[in-house]
Amino acid sequence: MANLRLRSRQWVVDDQGDIIIGEGRAEILETIQKTGSINQTAKIMRMSYKGVWSKIKVTEDYLKIKLVATDKKRGSELTREGKELLEKYNLLKERCLKADDELFKEIFD
């Protein structure tokens, strides 16, 4: 049999299937954390500022927490809750990928 691999992605969604956090939103939060700027994040991700901000707001509104704090002088940074959400998502992704790999090997090996 050919050398096969499994590719998986994780999204946390609401009851209607709307994304609360997934790889894209995690990348937005990580890039804000690195750059300290929503505008710079939008440029790096080739998105509009409004697009980046609206994704953040959807998640904030659903979870009823503030993920990103903005200040005209200091720029943008993740709040404690934003950092926690990013850490939890990354942990979920890591564990899901490990479990997926084990299941894939069990079935295809």
PDB file of N, CA and C in Angstrom:
ATOM      1  N   MET A   1       0.841  -1.186   0.000  1.00  0.00           N
ATOM      2  CA  MET A   1       0.000   0.000   0.000  1.00  0.00           C
ATOM      3  C   MET A   1       0.884   1.246   0.000  1.00  0.00           C
ATOM      4  N   ALA A   2       0.417   2.294  -0.620  1.00  0.00           N
ATOM      5  CA  ALA A   2       1.164   3.554  -0.690  1.00  0.00           C
ATOM      6  C   ALA A   2       1.380   4.121   0.712  1.00  0.00           C
ATOM      7  N   ASN A   3       2.351   4.994   0.832  1.00  0.00           N
ATOM      8  CA  ASN A   3       2.640   5.652   2.102  1.00  0.00           C
ATOM      9  C   ASN A   3       1.567   6.720   2.350  1.00  0.00           C
ATOM     10  N   LEU A   4       0.657   6.455   3.258  1.00  0.00           N
ATOM     11  CA  LEU A   4      -0.466   7.348   3.525  1.00  0.00           C
ATOM     12  C   LEU A   4      -0.284   8.097   4.828  1.00  0.00           C
ATOM     13  N   ARG A   5      -0.872   9.281   4.855  1.00  0.00           N
ATOM     14  CA  ARG A   5      -0.887  10.104   6.066  1.00  0.00           C
ATOM     15  C   ARG A   5      -2.284  10.672   6.240  1.00  0.00           C
ATOM     16  N   LEU A   6      -2.613  11.036   7.445  1.00  0.00           N
ATOM     17  CA  LEU A   6      -3.890  11.662   7.757  1.00  0.00           C
ATOM     18  C   LEU A   6      -3.668  13.148   7.998  1.00  0.00           C
ATOM     19  N   ARG A   7      -4.510  13.962   7.415  1.00  0.00           N
ATOM     20  CA  ARG A   7      -4.482  15.399   7.687  1.00  0.00           C
ATOM     21  C   ARG A   7      -5.769  15.757   8.409  1.00  0.00           C
ATOM     22  N   SER A   8      -5.641  16.430   9.525  1.00  0.00           N
ATOM     23  CA  SER A   8      -6.807  16.784  10.343  1.00  0.00           C
ATOM     24  C   SER A   8      -6.764  18.258  10.699  1.00  0.00           C
ATOM     25  N   ARG A   9      -7.933  18.824  10.887  1.00  0.00           N
ATOM     26  CA  ARG A   9      -8.056  20.205  11.360  1.00  0.00           C
ATOM     27  C   ARG A   9      -9.131  20.237  12.431  1.00  0.00           C
ATOM     28  N   GLN A  10      -8.992  21.145  13.364  1.00  0.00           N
ATOM     29  CA  GLN A  10      -9.952  21.249  14.457  1.00  0.00           C
ATOM     30  C   GLN A  10     -10.582  22.641  14.467  1.00  0.00           C
ATOM     31  N   TRP A  11     -11.889  22.651  14.641  1.00  0.00           N
ATOM     32  CA  TRP A  11     -12.628  23.890  14.829  1.00  0.00           C
ATOM     33  C   TRP A  11     -13.506  23.708  16.048  1.00  0.00           C
ATOM     34  N   VAL A  12     -13.598  24.726  16.863  1.00  0.00           N
ATOM     35  CA  VAL A  12     -14.559  24.751  17.957  1.00  0.00           C
ATOM     36  C   VAL A  12     -15.696  25.621  17.439  1.00  0.00           C
ATOM     37  N   VAL A  13     -16.908  25.049  17.415  1.00  0.00           N
ATOM     38  CA  VAL A  13     -18.048  25.747  16.823  1.00  0.00           C
ATOM     39  C   VAL A  13     -19.185  25.864  17.829  1.00  0.00           C
ATOM     40  N   ASP A  14     -20.119  26.771  17.514  1.00  0.00           N
ATOM     41  CA  ASP A  14     -21.315  26.910  18.354  1.00  0.00           C
ATOM     42  C   ASP A  14     -22.402  25.954  17.867  1.00  0.00           C
ATOM     43  N   ASP A  15     -23.603  26.067  18.427  1.00  0.00           N
ATOM     44  CA  ASP A  15     -24.713  25.174  18.083  1.00  0.00           C
ATOM     45  C   ASP A  15     -25.124  25.251  16.616  1.00  0.00           C
ATOM     46  N   GLN A  16     -24.875  26.394  15.980  1.00  0.00           N
ATOM     47  CA  GLN A  16     -25.225  26.565  14.572  1.00  0.00           C
ATOM     48  C   GLN A  16     -24.068  26.191  13.633  1.00  0.00           C
ATOM     49  N   GLY A  17     -22.959  25.773  14.196  1.00  0.00           N
ATOM     50  CA  GLY A  17     -21.806  25.408  13.386  1.00  0.00           C
ATOM     51  C   GLY A  17     -20.903  26.580  13.044  1.00  0.00           C
ATOM     52  N   ASP A  18     -21.156  27.742  13.641  1.00  0.00           N
ATOM     53  CA  ASP A  18     -20.304  28.907  13.409  1.00  0.00           C
ATOM     54  C   ASP A  18     -19.000  28.752  14.187  1.00  0.00           C
ATOM     55  N   ILE A  19     -17.894  29.077  13.534  1.00  0.00           N
ATOM     56  CA  ILE A  19     -16.577  28.894  14.149  1.00  0.00           C
ATOM     57  C   ILE A  19     -16.372  29.882  15.289  1.00  0.00           C
ATOM     58  N   ILE A  20     -15.959  29.346  16.421  1.00  0.00           N
ATOM     59  CA  ILE A  20     -15.582  30.168  17.567  1.00  0.00           C
ATOM     60  C   ILE A  20     -14.068  30.313  17.573  1.00  0.00           C
ATOM     61  N   ILE A  21     -13.355  29.215  17.391  1.00  0.00           N
ATOM     62  CA  ILE A  21     -11.903  29.273  17.202  1.00  0.00           C
ATOM     63  C   ILE A  21     -11.474  28.048  16.387  1.00  0.00           C
ATOM     64  N   GLY A  22     -10.539  28.304  15.512  1.00  0.00           N
ATOM     65  CA  GLY A  22      -9.947  27.272  14.682  1.00  0.00           C
ATOM     66  C   GLY A  22      -8.546  27.725  14.317  1.00  0.00           C
ATOM     67  N   GLU A  23      -7.964  27.093  13.324  1.00  0.00           N
ATOM     68  CA  GLU A  23      -6.589  27.434  12.958  1.00  0.00           C
ATOM     69  C   GLU A  23      -6.433  28.898  12.549  1.00  0.00           C
ATOM     70  N   GLY A  24      -7.394  29.427  11.794  1.00  0.00           N
ATOM     71  CA  GLY A  24      -7.309  30.820  11.350  1.00  0.00           C
ATOM     72  C   GLY A  24      -7.353  31.810  12.487  1.00  0.00           C
ATOM     73  N   ARG A  25      -8.290  31.625  13.384  1.00  0.00           N
ATOM     74  CA  ARG A  25      -8.399  32.556  14.513  1.00  0.00           C
ATOM     75  C   ARG A  25      -7.231  32.391  15.471  1.00  0.00           C
ATOM     76  N   ALA A  26      -6.758  31.172  15.629  1.00  0.00           N
ATOM     77  CA  ALA A  26      -5.570  30.963  16.460  1.00  0.00           C
ATOM     78  C   ALA A  26      -4.382  31.690  15.844  1.00  0.00           C
ATOM     79  N   GLU A  27      -4.261  31.631  14.522  1.00  0.00           N
ATOM     80  CA  GLU A  27      -3.163  32.338  13.849  1.00  0.00           C
ATOM     81  C   GLU A  27      -3.295  33.851  14.023  1.00  0.00           C
ATOM     82  N   ILE A  28      -4.519  34.354  13.983  1.00  0.00           N
ATOM     83  CA  ILE A  28      -4.745  35.789  14.228  1.00  0.00           C
ATOM     84  C   ILE A  28      -4.247  36.153  15.625  1.00  0.00           C
ATOM     85  N   LEU A  29      -4.653  35.382  16.634  1.00  0.00           N
ATOM     86  CA  LEU A  29      -4.242  35.684  18.007  1.00  0.00           C
ATOM     87  C   LEU A  29      -2.725  35.568  18.173  1.00  0.00           C
ATOM     88  N   GLU A  30      -2.124  34.539  17.586  1.00  0.00           N
ATOM     89  CA  GLU A  30      -0.671  34.371  17.677  1.00  0.00           C
ATOM     90  C   GLU A  30       0.063  35.533  17.015  1.00  0.00           C
ATOM     91  N   THR A  31      -0.445  35.985  15.882  1.00  0.00           N
ATOM     92  CA  THR A  31       0.214  37.073  15.160  1.00  0.00           C
ATOM     93  C   THR A  31       0.059  38.390  15.907  1.00  0.00           C
ATOM     94  N   ILE A  32      -1.098  38.626  16.509  1.00  0.00           N
ATOM     95  CA  ILE A  32      -1.267  39.824  17.346  1.00  0.00           C
ATOM     96  C   ILE A  32      -0.296  39.770  18.511  1.00  0.00           C
ATOM     97  N   GLN A  33      -0.141  38.597  19.102  1.00  0.00           N
ATOM     98  CA  GLN A  33       0.774  38.432  20.230  1.00  0.00           C
ATOM     99  C   GLN A  33       2.206  38.762  19.803  1.00  0.00           C
ATOM    100  N   LYS A  34       2.592  38.341  18.597  1.00  0.00           N
ATOM    101  CA  LYS A  34       3.956  38.587  18.111  1.00  0.00           C
ATOM    102  C   LYS A  34       4.178  40.031  17.679  1.00  0.00           C
ATOM    103  N   THR A  35       3.195  40.601  16.962  1.00  0.00           N
ATOM    104  CA  THR A  35       3.398  41.928  16.376  1.00  0.00           C
ATOM    105  C   THR A  35       2.920  43.071  17.255  1.00  0.00           C
ATOM    106  N   GLY A  36       1.959  42.798  18.129  1.00  0.00           N
ATOM    107  CA  GLY A  36       1.385  43.862  18.940  1.00  0.00           C
ATOM    108  C   GLY A  36       0.501  44.791  18.129  1.00  0.00           C
ATOM    109  N   SER A  37      -0.001  44.282  16.979  1.00  0.00           N
ATOM    110  CA  SER A  37      -0.766  45.148  16.094  1.00  0.00           C
ATOM    111  C   SER A  37      -1.801  44.357  15.303  1.00  0.00           C
ATOM    112  N   ILE A  38      -3.040  44.817  15.353  1.00  0.00           N
ATOM    113  CA  ILE A  38      -4.082  44.207  14.532  1.00  0.00           C
ATOM    114  C   ILE A  38      -3.835  44.557  13.068  1.00  0.00           C
ATOM    115  N   ASN A  39      -3.429  45.800  12.806  1.00  0.00           N
ATOM    116  CA  ASN A  39      -3.163  46.233  11.438  1.00  0.00           C
ATOM    117  C   ASN A  39      -2.041  45.409  10.807  1.00  0.00           C
ATOM    118  N   GLN A  40      -0.965  45.210  11.543  1.00  0.00           N
ATOM    119  CA  GLN A  40       0.154  44.411  11.048  1.00  0.00           C
ATOM    120  C   GLN A  40      -0.269  42.953  10.845  1.00  0.00           C
ATOM    121  N   THR A  41      -1.093  42.452  11.747  1.00  0.00           N
ATOM    122  CA  THR A  41      -1.620  41.091  11.624  1.00  0.00           C
ATOM    123  C   THR A  41      -2.417  40.960  10.333  1.00  0.00           C
ATOM    124  N   ALA A  42      -3.264  41.938  10.058  1.00  0.00           N
ATOM    125  CA  ALA A  42      -4.066  41.905   8.835  1.00  0.00           C
ATOM    126  C   ALA A  42      -3.162  41.874   7.602  1.00  0.00           C
ATOM    127  N   LYS A  43      -2.109  42.678   7.598  1.00  0.00           N
ATOM    128  CA  LYS A  43      -1.186  42.701   6.452  1.00  0.00           C
ATOM    129  C   LYS A  43      -0.481  41.360   6.292  1.00  0.00           C
ATOM    130  N   ILE A  44       0.026  40.816   7.388  1.00  0.00           N
ATOM    131  CA  ILE A  44       0.746  39.538   7.344  1.00  0.00           C
ATOM    132  C   ILE A  44      -0.172  38.426   6.841  1.00  0.00           C
ATOM    133  N   MET A  45      -1.424  38.442   7.287  1.00  0.00           N
ATOM    134  CA  MET A  45      -2.358  37.383   6.923  1.00  0.00           C
ATOM    135  C   MET A  45      -3.101  37.666   5.619  1.00  0.00           C
ATOM    136  N   ARG A  46      -2.784  38.805   5.004  1.00  0.00           N
ATOM    137  CA  ARG A  46      -3.429  39.215   3.752  1.00  0.00           C
ATOM    138  C   ARG A  46      -4.950  39.275   3.904  1.00  0.00           C
ATOM    139  N   MET A  47      -5.347  39.927   4.977  1.00  0.00           N
ATOM    140  CA  MET A  47      -6.765  40.140   5.269  1.00  0.00           C
ATOM    141  C   MET A  47      -6.973  41.626   5.485  1.00  0.00           C
ATOM    142  N   SER A  48      -8.232  42.042   5.447  1.00  0.00           N
ATOM    143  CA  SER A  48      -8.520  43.431   5.784  1.00  0.00           C
ATOM    144  C   SER A  48      -8.496  43.573   7.310  1.00  0.00           C
ATOM    145  N   TYR A  49      -8.249  44.786   7.760  1.00  0.00           N
ATOM    146  CA  TYR A  49      -8.298  45.074   9.189  1.00  0.00           C
ATOM    147  C   TYR A  49      -9.679  44.692   9.723  1.00  0.00           C
ATOM    148  N   LYS A  50     -10.716  45.081   8.982  1.00  0.00           N
ATOM    149  CA  LYS A  50     -12.095  44.789   9.386  1.00  0.00           C
ATOM    150  C   LYS A  50     -12.327  43.282   9.474  1.00  0.00           C
ATOM    151  N   GLY A  51     -11.766  42.522   8.554  1.00  0.00           N
ATOM    152  CA  GLY A  51     -11.916  41.070   8.568  1.00  0.00           C
ATOM    153  C   GLY A  51     -11.312  40.454   9.816  1.00  0.00           C
ATOM    154  N   VAL A  52     -10.104  40.897  10.157  1.00  0.00           N
ATOM    155  CA  VAL A  52      -9.429  40.394  11.357  1.00  0.00           C
ATOM    156  C   VAL A  52     -10.233  40.790  12.591  1.00  0.00           C
ATOM    157  N   TRP A  53     -10.604  42.054  12.667  1.00  0.00           N
ATOM    158  CA  TRP A  53     -11.320  42.548  13.841  1.00  0.00           C
ATOM    159  C   TRP A  53     -12.672  41.852  13.986  1.00  0.00           C
ATOM    160  N   SER A  54     -13.370  41.612  12.886  1.00  0.00           N
ATOM    161  CA  SER A  54     -14.691  40.977  12.986  1.00  0.00           C
ATOM    162  C   SER A  54     -14.583  39.540  13.486  1.00  0.00           C
ATOM    163  N   LYS A  55     -13.553  38.814  13.094  1.00  0.00           N
ATOM    164  CA  LYS A  55     -13.360  37.447  13.588  1.00  0.00           C
ATOM    165  C   LYS A  55     -13.089  37.461  15.093  1.00  0.00           C
ATOM    166  N   ILE A  56     -12.295  38.398  15.539  1.00  0.00           N
ATOM    167  CA  ILE A  56     -12.031  38.540  16.974  1.00  0.00           C
ATOM    168  C   ILE A  56     -13.333  38.846  17.706  1.00  0.00           C
ATOM    169  N   LYS A  57     -14.112  39.795  17.184  1.00  0.00           N
ATOM    170  CA  LYS A  57     -15.349  40.215  17.844  1.00  0.00           C
ATOM    171  C   LYS A  57     -16.371  39.091  17.922  1.00  0.00           C
ATOM    172  N   VAL A  58     -16.499  38.275  16.869  1.00  0.00           N
ATOM    173  CA  VAL A  58     -17.443  37.160  16.895  1.00  0.00           C
ATOM    174  C   VAL A  58     -17.104  36.224  18.049  1.00  0.00           C
ATOM    175  N   THR A  59     -15.814  35.912  18.189  1.00  0.00           N
ATOM    176  CA  THR A  59     -15.387  35.015  19.255  1.00  0.00           C
ATOM    177  C   THR A  59     -15.579  35.668  20.620  1.00  0.00           C
ATOM    178  N   GLU A  60     -15.206  36.944  20.744  1.00  0.00           N
ATOM    179  CA  GLU A  60     -15.402  37.652  22.011  1.00  0.00           C
ATOM    180  C   GLU A  60     -16.877  37.690  22.398  1.00  0.00           C
ATOM    181  N   ASP A  61     -17.731  38.017  21.440  1.00  0.00           N
ATOM    182  CA  ASP A  61     -19.164  38.127  21.730  1.00  0.00           C
ATOM    183  C   ASP A  61     -19.754  36.787  22.153  1.00  0.00           C
ATOM    184  N   TYR A  62     -19.348  35.722  21.478  1.00  0.00           N
ATOM    185  CA  TYR A  62     -19.894  34.406  21.824  1.00  0.00           C
ATOM    186  C   TYR A  62     -19.423  33.969  23.213  1.00  0.00           C
ATOM    187  N   LEU A  63     -18.139  34.136  23.491  1.00  0.00           N
ATOM    188  CA  LEU A  63     -17.579  33.690  24.774  1.00  0.00           C
ATOM    189  C   LEU A  63     -17.811  34.695  25.904  1.00  0.00           C
ATOM    190  N   LYS A  64     -18.253  35.904  25.531  1.00  0.00           N
ATOM    191  CA  LYS A  64     -18.481  36.989  26.492  1.00  0.00           C
ATOM    192  C   LYS A  64     -17.215  37.323  27.286  1.00  0.00           C
ATOM    193  N   ILE A  65     -16.092  37.363  26.568  1.00  0.00           N
ATOM    194  CA  ILE A  65     -14.813  37.757  27.158  1.00  0.00           C
ATOM    195  C   ILE A  65     -14.073  38.646  26.167  1.00  0.00           C
ATOM    196  N   LYS A  66     -13.135  39.406  26.667  1.00  0.00           N
ATOM    197  CA  LYS A  66     -12.281  40.255  25.838  1.00  0.00           C
ATOM    198  C   LYS A  66     -11.006  39.469  25.549  1.00  0.00           C
ATOM    199  N   LEU A  67     -10.697  39.289  24.263  1.00  0.00           N
ATOM    200  CA  LEU A  67      -9.501  38.545  23.861  1.00  0.00           C
ATOM    201  C   LEU A  67      -8.318  39.450  23.576  1.00  0.00           C
ATOM    202  N   VAL A  68      -8.616  40.641  23.037  1.00  0.00           N
ATOM    203  CA  VAL A  68      -7.561  41.558  22.610  1.00  0.00           C
ATOM    204  C   VAL A  68      -7.812  42.929  23.229  1.00  0.00           C
ATOM    205  N   ALA A  69      -6.778  43.465  23.862  1.00  0.00           N
ATOM    206  CA  ALA A  69      -6.836  44.818  24.410  1.00  0.00           C
ATOM    207  C   ALA A  69      -6.090  45.740  23.448  1.00  0.00           C
ATOM    208  N   THR A  70      -6.699  46.875  23.137  1.00  0.00           N
ATOM    209  CA  THR A  70      -6.060  47.817  22.215  1.00  0.00           C
ATOM    210  C   THR A  70      -5.811  49.141  22.925  1.00  0.00           C
ATOM    211  N   ASP A  71      -4.720  49.775  22.543  1.00  0.00           N
ATOM    212  CA  ASP A  71      -4.334  51.066  23.086  1.00  0.00           C
ATOM    213  C   ASP A  71      -3.632  51.826  21.974  1.00  0.00           C
ATOM    214  N   LYS A  72      -4.029  53.067  21.748  1.00  0.00           N
ATOM    215  CA  LYS A  72      -3.443  53.843  20.642  1.00  0.00           C
ATOM    216  C   LYS A  72      -1.931  53.991  20.765  1.00  0.00           C
ATOM    217  N   LYS A  73      -1.426  54.083  21.962  1.00  0.00           N
ATOM    218  CA  LYS A  73       0.020  54.251  22.144  1.00  0.00           C
ATOM    219  C   LYS A  73       0.755  52.916  22.202  1.00  0.00           C
ATOM    220  N   ARG A  74       0.196  51.952  22.910  1.00  0.00           N
ATOM    221  CA  ARG A  74       0.898  50.673  23.110  1.00  0.00           C
ATOM    222  C   ARG A  74       0.552  49.616  22.067  1.00  0.00           C
ATOM    223  N   GLY A  75      -0.478  49.845  21.268  1.00  0.00           N
ATOM    224  CA  GLY A  75      -0.863  48.857  20.271  1.00  0.00           C
ATOM    225  C   GLY A  75      -1.838  47.845  20.838  1.00  0.00           C
ATOM    226  N   SER A  76      -1.763  46.622  20.339  1.00  0.00           N
ATOM    227  CA  SER A  76      -2.700  45.571  20.738  1.00  0.00           C
ATOM    228  C   SER A  76      -1.962  44.430  21.413  1.00  0.00           C
ATOM    229  N   GLU A  77      -2.645  43.808  22.358  1.00  0.00           N
ATOM    230  CA  GLU A  77      -2.074  42.641  23.028  1.00  0.00           C
ATOM    231  C   GLU A  77      -3.201  41.723  23.461  1.00  0.00           C
ATOM    232  N   LEU A  78      -2.865  40.448  23.606  1.00  0.00           N
ATOM    233  CA  LEU A  78      -3.859  39.504  24.085  1.00  0.00           C
ATOM    234  C   LEU A  78      -4.101  39.729  25.565  1.00  0.00           C
ATOM    235  N   THR A  79      -5.347  39.629  25.948  1.00  0.00           N
ATOM    236  CA  THR A  79      -5.688  39.675  27.364  1.00  0.00           C
ATOM    237  C   THR A  79      -5.321  38.323  27.981  1.00  0.00           C
ATOM    238  N   ARG A  80      -5.440  38.225  29.268  1.00  0.00           N
ATOM    239  CA  ARG A  80      -5.201  36.946  29.946  1.00  0.00           C
ATOM    240  C   ARG A  80      -6.127  35.880  29.370  1.00  0.00           C
ATOM    241  N   GLU A  81      -7.391  36.255  29.152  1.00  0.00           N
ATOM    242  CA  GLU A  81      -8.365  35.318  28.587  1.00  0.00           C
ATOM    243  C   GLU A  81      -8.009  34.931  27.154  1.00  0.00           C
ATOM    244  N   GLY A  82      -7.478  35.881  26.396  1.00  0.00           N
ATOM    245  CA  GLY A  82      -7.048  35.598  25.029  1.00  0.00           C
ATOM    246  C   GLY A  82      -5.890  34.620  25.000  1.00  0.00           C
ATOM    247  N   LYS A  83      -4.945  34.815  25.909  1.00  0.00           N
ATOM    248  CA  LYS A  83      -3.806  33.891  26.001  1.00  0.00           C
ATOM    249  C   LYS A  83      -4.275  32.501  26.426  1.00  0.00           C
ATOM    250  N   GLU A  84      -5.202  32.451  27.390  1.00  0.00           N
ATOM    251  CA  GLU A  84      -5.741  31.173  27.861  1.00  0.00           C
ATOM    252  C   GLU A  84      -6.458  30.425  26.743  1.00  0.00           C
ATOM    253  N   LEU A  85      -7.286  31.141  25.975  1.00  0.00           N
ATOM    254  CA  LEU A  85      -8.013  30.516  24.879  1.00  0.00           C
ATOM    255  C   LEU A  85      -7.038  29.954  23.848  1.00  0.00           C
ATOM    256  N   LEU A  86      -6.010  30.722  23.517  1.00  0.00           N
ATOM    257  CA  LEU A  86      -5.014  30.267  22.550  1.00  0.00           C
ATOM    258  C   LEU A  86      -4.272  29.036  23.065  1.00  0.00           C
ATOM    259  N   GLU A  87      -3.895  29.048  24.331  1.00  0.00           N
ATOM    260  CA  GLU A  87      -3.215  27.889  24.932  1.00  0.00           C
ATOM    261  C   GLU A  87      -4.118  26.653  24.919  1.00  0.00           C
ATOM    262  N   LYS A  88      -5.388  26.837  25.277  1.00  0.00           N
ATOM    263  CA  LYS A  88      -6.322  25.710  25.298  1.00  0.00           C
ATOM    264  C   LYS A  88      -6.547  25.159  23.895  1.00  0.00           C
ATOM    265  N   TYR A  89      -6.682  26.045  22.917  1.00  0.00           N
ATOM    266  CA  TYR A  89      -6.878  25.578  21.544  1.00  0.00           C
ATOM    267  C   TYR A  89      -5.653  24.803  21.069  1.00  0.00           C
ATOM    268  N   ASN A  90      -4.462  25.330  21.339  1.00  0.00           N
ATOM    269  CA  ASN A  90      -3.239  24.649  20.908  1.00  0.00           C
ATOM    270  C   ASN A  90      -3.087  23.281  21.582  1.00  0.00           C
ATOM    271  N   LEU A  91      -3.463  23.192  22.852  1.00  0.00           N
ATOM    272  CA  LEU A  91      -3.425  21.914  23.561  1.00  0.00           C
ATOM    273  C   LEU A  91      -4.444  20.939  22.957  1.00  0.00           C
ATOM    274  N   LEU A  92      -5.651  21.418  22.684  1.00  0.00           N
ATOM    275  CA  LEU A  92      -6.668  20.593  22.043  1.00  0.00           C
ATOM    276  C   LEU A  92      -6.171  20.072  20.700  1.00  0.00           C
ATOM    277  N   LYS A  93      -5.608  20.956  19.904  1.00  0.00           N
ATOM    278  CA  LYS A  93      -5.108  20.573  18.580  1.00  0.00           C
ATOM    279  C   LYS A  93      -4.014  19.514  18.696  1.00  0.00           C
ATOM    280  N   GLU A  94      -3.081  19.732  19.603  1.00  0.00           N
ATOM    281  CA  GLU A  94      -1.978  18.784  19.805  1.00  0.00           C
ATOM    282  C   GLU A  94      -2.504  17.401  20.192  1.00  0.00           C
ATOM    283  N   ARG A  95      -3.430  17.369  21.138  1.00  0.00           N
ATOM    284  CA  ARG A  95      -3.968  16.085  21.600  1.00  0.00           C
ATOM    285  C   ARG A  95      -4.831  15.411  20.537  1.00  0.00           C
ATOM    286  N   CYS A  96      -5.609  16.194  19.801  1.00  0.00           N
ATOM    287  CA  CYS A  96      -6.425  15.622  18.723  1.00  0.00           C
ATOM    288  C   CYS A  96      -5.541  15.020  17.638  1.00  0.00           C
ATOM    289  N   LEU A  97      -4.483  15.725  17.261  1.00  0.00           N
ATOM    290  CA  LEU A  97      -3.593  15.211  16.220  1.00  0.00           C
ATOM    291  C   LEU A  97      -2.917  13.918  16.665  1.00  0.00           C
ATOM    292  N   LYS A  98      -2.529  13.857  17.925  1.00  0.00           N
ATOM    293  CA  LYS A  98      -1.908  12.638  18.450  1.00  0.00           C
ATOM    294  C   LYS A  98      -2.909  11.481  18.417  1.00  0.00           C
ATOM    295  N   ALA A  99      -4.116  11.737  18.871  1.00  0.00           N
ATOM    296  CA  ALA A  99      -5.152  10.698  18.865  1.00  0.00           C
ATOM    297  C   ALA A  99      -5.498  10.289  17.430  1.00  0.00           C
ATOM    298  N   ASP A 100      -5.575  11.251  16.533  1.00  0.00           N
ATOM    299  CA  ASP A 100      -5.852  10.952  15.118  1.00  0.00           C
ATOM    300  C   ASP A 100      -4.772  10.067  14.527  1.00  0.00           C
ATOM    301  N   ASP A 101      -3.511  10.385  14.817  1.00  0.00           N
ATOM    302  CA  ASP A 101      -2.395   9.588  14.295  1.00  0.00           C
ATOM    303  C   ASP A 101      -2.457   8.156  14.812  1.00  0.00           C
ATOM    304  N   GLU A 102      -2.745   8.000  16.095  1.00  0.00           N
ATOM    305  CA  GLU A 102      -2.834   6.654  16.678  1.00  0.00           C
ATOM    306  C   GLU A 102      -3.971   5.859  16.044  1.00  0.00           C
ATOM    307  N   LEU A 103      -5.111   6.481  15.886  1.00  0.00           N
ATOM    308  CA  LEU A 103      -6.259   5.819  15.266  1.00  0.00           C
ATOM    309  C   LEU A 103      -5.968   5.467  13.806  1.00  0.00           C
ATOM    310  N   PHE A 104      -5.343   6.374  13.098  1.00  0.00           N
ATOM    311  CA  PHE A 104      -4.999   6.140  11.695  1.00  0.00           C
ATOM    312  C   PHE A 104      -4.063   4.932  11.567  1.00  0.00           C
ATOM    313  N   LYS A 105      -3.038   4.891  12.424  1.00  0.00           N
ATOM    314  CA  LYS A 105      -2.094   3.760  12.385  1.00  0.00           C
ATOM    315  C   LYS A 105      -2.796   2.451  12.702  1.00  0.00           C
ATOM    316  N   GLU A 106      -3.702   2.493  13.682  1.00  0.00           N
ATOM    317  CA  GLU A 106      -4.440   1.295  14.067  1.00  0.00           C
ATOM    318  C   GLU A 106      -5.279   0.765  12.888  1.00  0.00           C
ATOM    319  N   ILE A 107      -5.873   1.647  12.153  1.00  0.00           N
ATOM    320  CA  ILE A 107      -6.756   1.237  11.065  1.00  0.00           C
ATOM    321  C   ILE A 107      -5.996   0.909   9.788  1.00  0.00           C
ATOM    322  N   PHE A 108      -4.976   1.663   9.447  1.00  0.00           N
ATOM    323  CA  PHE A 108      -4.314   1.516   8.151  1.00  0.00           C
ATOM    324  C   PHE A 108      -3.023   0.703   8.199  1.00  0.00           C
ATOM    325  N   ASP A 109      -2.470   0.438   9.361  1.00  0.00           N
ATOM    326  CA  ASP A 109      -1.241  -0.375   9.421  1.00  0.00           C
ATOM    327  C   ASP A 109      -1.554  -1.840   9.480  1.00  0.00           C
TER     328      ASP A 109
END
